[in-house]
Amino acid sequence: MKKLADYGLDDHPAGDPERARLAWAVAALDDCDVCGDLRVELTVEEEGDAGAGLVGHLSPATARRLRAALATALKEMGEPVDG
């Protein structure tokens, strides 16, 4: 089973010759045979280049660590962080 949680594009302006605009997707995954347990799947790829990106299978602990890192970055920018 793979259940999409959300997807979107980063907010970098399109057409920058130095940095690609990225697409991302997050899904819950329970059929990674080599992982042996439930995972959060994170896919990041260049916009318009579907299937050529990187896919990470994060354990719940690693997904929480990523969530905490994003919250830290938001706090550093003075942005509110939801519970």
N, C-alpha and C. Protein backbone atom coordinates (compact mmCIF):
# COMPACT_ATOMS: atom_id res chain seq x y z
N MET A 1 0.84 -1.17 0.00
CA MET A 1 0.00 0.00 0.00
C MET A 1 0.89 1.24 0.00
N LYS A 2 0.49 2.20 -0.79
CA LYS A 2 1.16 3.49 -0.82
C LYS A 2 0.08 4.54 -0.85
N LYS A 3 0.09 5.45 0.14
CA LYS A 3 -0.95 6.46 0.24
C LYS A 3 -0.31 7.84 0.21
N LEU A 4 -0.63 8.63 -0.81
CA LEU A 4 -0.09 9.96 -0.96
C LEU A 4 -0.59 10.87 0.16
N ALA A 5 0.34 11.57 0.81
CA ALA A 5 -0.02 12.53 1.85
C ALA A 5 -0.14 13.93 1.26
N ASP A 6 0.81 14.32 0.42
CA ASP A 6 0.79 15.64 -0.20
C ASP A 6 1.87 15.72 -1.27
N TYR A 7 1.75 16.69 -2.13
CA TYR A 7 2.77 16.94 -3.15
C TYR A 7 2.72 18.41 -3.52
N GLY A 8 3.79 18.89 -4.13
CA GLY A 8 3.80 20.28 -4.54
C GLY A 8 5.11 20.65 -5.21
N LEU A 9 5.28 21.94 -5.40
CA LEU A 9 6.49 22.49 -6.01
C LEU A 9 7.17 23.40 -5.01
N ASP A 10 8.49 23.50 -5.11
CA ASP A 10 9.15 24.48 -4.26
C ASP A 10 8.79 25.88 -4.76
N ASP A 11 9.20 26.90 -4.04
CA ASP A 11 8.80 28.26 -4.36
C ASP A 11 9.88 29.05 -5.06
N HIS A 12 10.86 28.35 -5.61
CA HIS A 12 11.92 29.02 -6.35
C HIS A 12 11.36 29.45 -7.70
N PRO A 13 11.70 30.64 -8.18
CA PRO A 13 11.18 31.08 -9.48
C PRO A 13 11.62 30.14 -10.61
N ALA A 14 10.72 29.87 -11.51
CA ALA A 14 11.04 29.05 -12.68
C ALA A 14 11.99 29.84 -13.59
N GLY A 15 12.83 29.13 -14.30
CA GLY A 15 13.71 29.76 -15.28
C GLY A 15 15.05 30.22 -14.74
N ASP A 16 15.36 29.94 -13.49
CA ASP A 16 16.67 30.31 -12.93
C ASP A 16 17.72 29.39 -13.56
N PRO A 17 18.74 29.94 -14.22
CA PRO A 17 19.74 29.09 -14.86
C PRO A 17 20.67 28.38 -13.88
N GLU A 18 20.67 28.78 -12.62
CA GLU A 18 21.57 28.17 -11.63
C GLU A 18 20.90 27.14 -10.72
N ARG A 19 19.58 27.24 -10.56
CA ARG A 19 18.89 26.33 -9.65
C ARG A 19 17.59 25.84 -10.27
N ALA A 20 17.42 24.54 -10.25
CA ALA A 20 16.20 23.94 -10.81
C ALA A 20 15.04 24.13 -9.83
N ARG A 21 13.85 24.26 -10.35
CA ARG A 21 12.65 24.25 -9.52
C ARG A 21 12.31 22.79 -9.25
N LEU A 22 11.98 22.47 -8.00
CA LEU A 22 11.77 21.08 -7.60
C LEU A 22 10.31 20.76 -7.34
N ALA A 23 9.96 19.53 -7.65
CA ALA A 23 8.68 18.96 -7.26
C ALA A 23 8.96 17.98 -6.12
N TRP A 24 8.00 17.87 -5.18
CA TRP A 24 8.17 16.95 -4.06
C TRP A 24 6.85 16.21 -3.81
N ALA A 25 6.98 15.03 -3.24
CA ALA A 25 5.81 14.24 -2.85
C ALA A 25 6.14 13.46 -1.58
N VAL A 26 5.14 13.31 -0.73
CA VAL A 26 5.28 12.56 0.52
C VAL A 26 4.15 11.53 0.57
N ALA A 27 4.51 10.29 0.89
CA ALA A 27 3.52 9.22 0.95
C ALA A 27 3.83 8.28 2.11
N ALA A 28 2.80 7.61 2.62
CA ALA A 28 2.96 6.53 3.59
C ALA A 28 3.12 5.24 2.79
N LEU A 29 4.06 4.41 3.19
CA LEU A 29 4.42 3.23 2.42
C LEU A 29 4.54 2.02 3.34
N ASP A 30 3.90 0.91 2.96
CA ASP A 30 4.04 -0.30 3.78
C ASP A 30 4.51 -1.50 2.98
N ASP A 31 4.99 -1.27 1.75
CA ASP A 31 5.39 -2.42 0.93
C ASP A 31 6.84 -2.35 0.44
N CYS A 32 7.71 -1.79 1.26
CA CYS A 32 9.13 -1.79 0.93
C CYS A 32 9.72 -3.08 1.50
N ASP A 33 9.89 -4.08 0.65
CA ASP A 33 10.34 -5.40 1.12
C ASP A 33 11.67 -5.34 1.85
N VAL A 34 12.62 -4.59 1.34
CA VAL A 34 13.94 -4.56 1.97
C VAL A 34 13.96 -3.71 3.24
N CYS A 35 12.97 -2.82 3.41
CA CYS A 35 12.92 -1.98 4.62
C CYS A 35 12.42 -2.78 5.82
N GLY A 36 11.47 -3.66 5.58
CA GLY A 36 10.97 -4.51 6.65
C GLY A 36 9.95 -3.88 7.56
N ASP A 37 9.61 -2.62 7.36
CA ASP A 37 8.60 -1.98 8.21
C ASP A 37 8.00 -0.79 7.47
N LEU A 38 7.13 -0.05 8.14
CA LEU A 38 6.47 1.11 7.54
C LEU A 38 7.47 2.23 7.30
N ARG A 39 7.25 2.99 6.24
CA ARG A 39 8.14 4.09 5.89
C ARG A 39 7.34 5.29 5.42
N VAL A 40 7.96 6.45 5.53
CA VAL A 40 7.48 7.65 4.88
C VAL A 40 8.34 7.82 3.64
N GLU A 41 7.70 7.85 2.49
CA GLU A 41 8.43 7.99 1.24
C GLU A 41 8.48 9.46 0.84
N LEU A 42 9.68 9.96 0.63
CA LEU A 42 9.89 11.35 0.21
C LEU A 42 10.54 11.32 -1.17
N THR A 43 9.87 11.93 -2.16
CA THR A 43 10.39 12.00 -3.51
C THR A 43 10.67 13.46 -3.85
N VAL A 44 11.84 13.72 -4.39
CA VAL A 44 12.23 15.06 -4.84
C VAL A 44 12.80 14.92 -6.24
N GLU A 45 12.28 15.73 -7.15
CA GLU A 45 12.77 15.68 -8.52
C GLU A 45 12.60 17.04 -9.18
N GLU A 46 13.34 17.25 -10.24
CA GLU A 46 13.23 18.51 -10.98
C GLU A 46 11.85 18.59 -11.61
N GLU A 47 11.24 19.77 -11.52
CA GLU A 47 9.92 19.97 -12.10
C GLU A 47 9.93 19.56 -13.57
N GLY A 48 8.93 18.78 -13.97
CA GLY A 48 8.81 18.35 -15.35
C GLY A 48 9.64 17.14 -15.72
N ASP A 49 10.36 16.57 -14.76
CA ASP A 49 11.22 15.41 -15.04
C ASP A 49 10.78 14.22 -14.18
N ALA A 50 9.50 13.91 -14.25
CA ALA A 50 8.93 12.85 -13.42
C ALA A 50 9.66 11.53 -13.62
N GLY A 51 9.91 10.85 -12.53
CA GLY A 51 10.57 9.56 -12.56
C GLY A 51 12.09 9.61 -12.53
N ALA A 52 12.67 10.81 -12.57
CA ALA A 52 14.13 10.93 -12.60
C ALA A 52 14.69 11.49 -11.30
N GLY A 53 13.85 11.55 -10.27
CA GLY A 53 14.29 12.15 -9.02
C GLY A 53 14.86 11.15 -8.04
N LEU A 54 14.97 11.60 -6.81
CA LEU A 54 15.46 10.77 -5.72
C LEU A 54 14.30 10.41 -4.80
N VAL A 55 14.31 9.16 -4.32
CA VAL A 55 13.26 8.67 -3.43
C VAL A 55 13.91 8.20 -2.15
N GLY A 56 13.47 8.74 -1.03
CA GLY A 56 13.96 8.31 0.28
C GLY A 56 12.87 7.57 1.02
N HIS A 57 13.24 6.50 1.71
CA HIS A 57 12.31 5.76 2.56
C HIS A 57 12.71 6.02 4.00
N LEU A 58 11.97 6.91 4.66
CA LEU A 58 12.32 7.36 6.00
C LEU A 58 11.57 6.55 7.06
N SER A 59 12.30 6.10 8.06
CA SER A 59 11.65 5.47 9.21
C SER A 59 10.85 6.55 9.94
N PRO A 60 9.91 6.18 10.79
CA PRO A 60 9.18 7.20 11.55
C PRO A 60 10.12 8.13 12.33
N ALA A 61 11.18 7.60 12.91
CA ALA A 61 12.12 8.43 13.67
C ALA A 61 12.83 9.44 12.77
N THR A 62 13.23 9.01 11.59
CA THR A 62 13.90 9.91 10.66
C THR A 62 12.93 10.95 10.11
N ALA A 63 11.68 10.56 9.86
CA ALA A 63 10.67 11.52 9.40
C ALA A 63 10.42 12.59 10.47
N ARG A 64 10.39 12.17 11.74
CA ARG A 64 10.22 13.15 12.82
C ARG A 64 11.43 14.07 12.90
N ARG A 65 12.61 13.56 12.68
CA ARG A 65 13.83 14.39 12.69
C ARG A 65 13.78 15.42 11.57
N LEU A 66 13.33 15.02 10.38
CA LEU A 66 13.18 15.96 9.27
C LEU A 66 12.14 17.02 9.61
N ARG A 67 11.03 16.59 10.20
CA ARG A 67 9.99 17.54 10.61
C ARG A 67 10.55 18.55 11.60
N ALA A 68 11.35 18.09 12.55
CA ALA A 68 11.96 18.98 13.54
C ALA A 68 12.95 19.95 12.89
N ALA A 69 13.70 19.49 11.90
CA ALA A 69 14.64 20.36 11.20
C ALA A 69 13.91 21.45 10.44
N LEU A 70 12.79 21.11 9.81
CA LEU A 70 11.99 22.12 9.11
C LEU A 70 11.42 23.14 10.10
N ALA A 71 10.97 22.66 11.26
CA ALA A 71 10.45 23.57 12.29
C ALA A 71 11.55 24.50 12.80
N THR A 72 12.75 23.99 12.98
CA THR A 72 13.87 24.82 13.42
C THR A 72 14.18 25.91 12.40
N ALA A 73 14.19 25.55 11.13
CA ALA A 73 14.46 26.53 10.08
C ALA A 73 13.37 27.61 10.06
N LEU A 74 12.11 27.22 10.22
CA LEU A 74 11.03 28.20 10.27
C LEU A 74 11.17 29.14 11.46
N LYS A 75 11.53 28.59 12.61
CA LYS A 75 11.72 29.43 13.81
C LYS A 75 12.85 30.42 13.59
N GLU A 76 13.94 29.98 12.96
CA GLU A 76 15.07 30.86 12.68
C GLU A 76 14.68 32.02 11.78
N MET A 77 13.67 31.81 10.94
CA MET A 77 13.19 32.86 10.03
C MET A 77 12.12 33.72 10.68
N GLY A 78 11.77 33.38 11.93
CA GLY A 78 10.74 34.13 12.63
C GLY A 78 9.32 33.72 12.26
N GLU A 79 9.18 32.57 11.63
CA GLU A 79 7.86 32.07 11.23
C GLU A 79 7.25 31.22 12.33
N PRO A 80 5.92 31.25 12.48
CA PRO A 80 5.29 30.40 13.48
C PRO A 80 5.38 28.92 13.09
N VAL A 81 5.41 28.07 14.08
CA VAL A 81 5.47 26.62 13.85
C VAL A 81 4.26 26.00 14.52
N ASP A 82 3.49 25.23 13.75
CA ASP A 82 2.33 24.54 14.29
C ASP A 82 2.79 23.40 15.18
N GLY A 83 2.01 23.13 16.22
CA GLY A 83 2.27 22.08 17.19
C GLY A 83 2.76 20.85 16.60
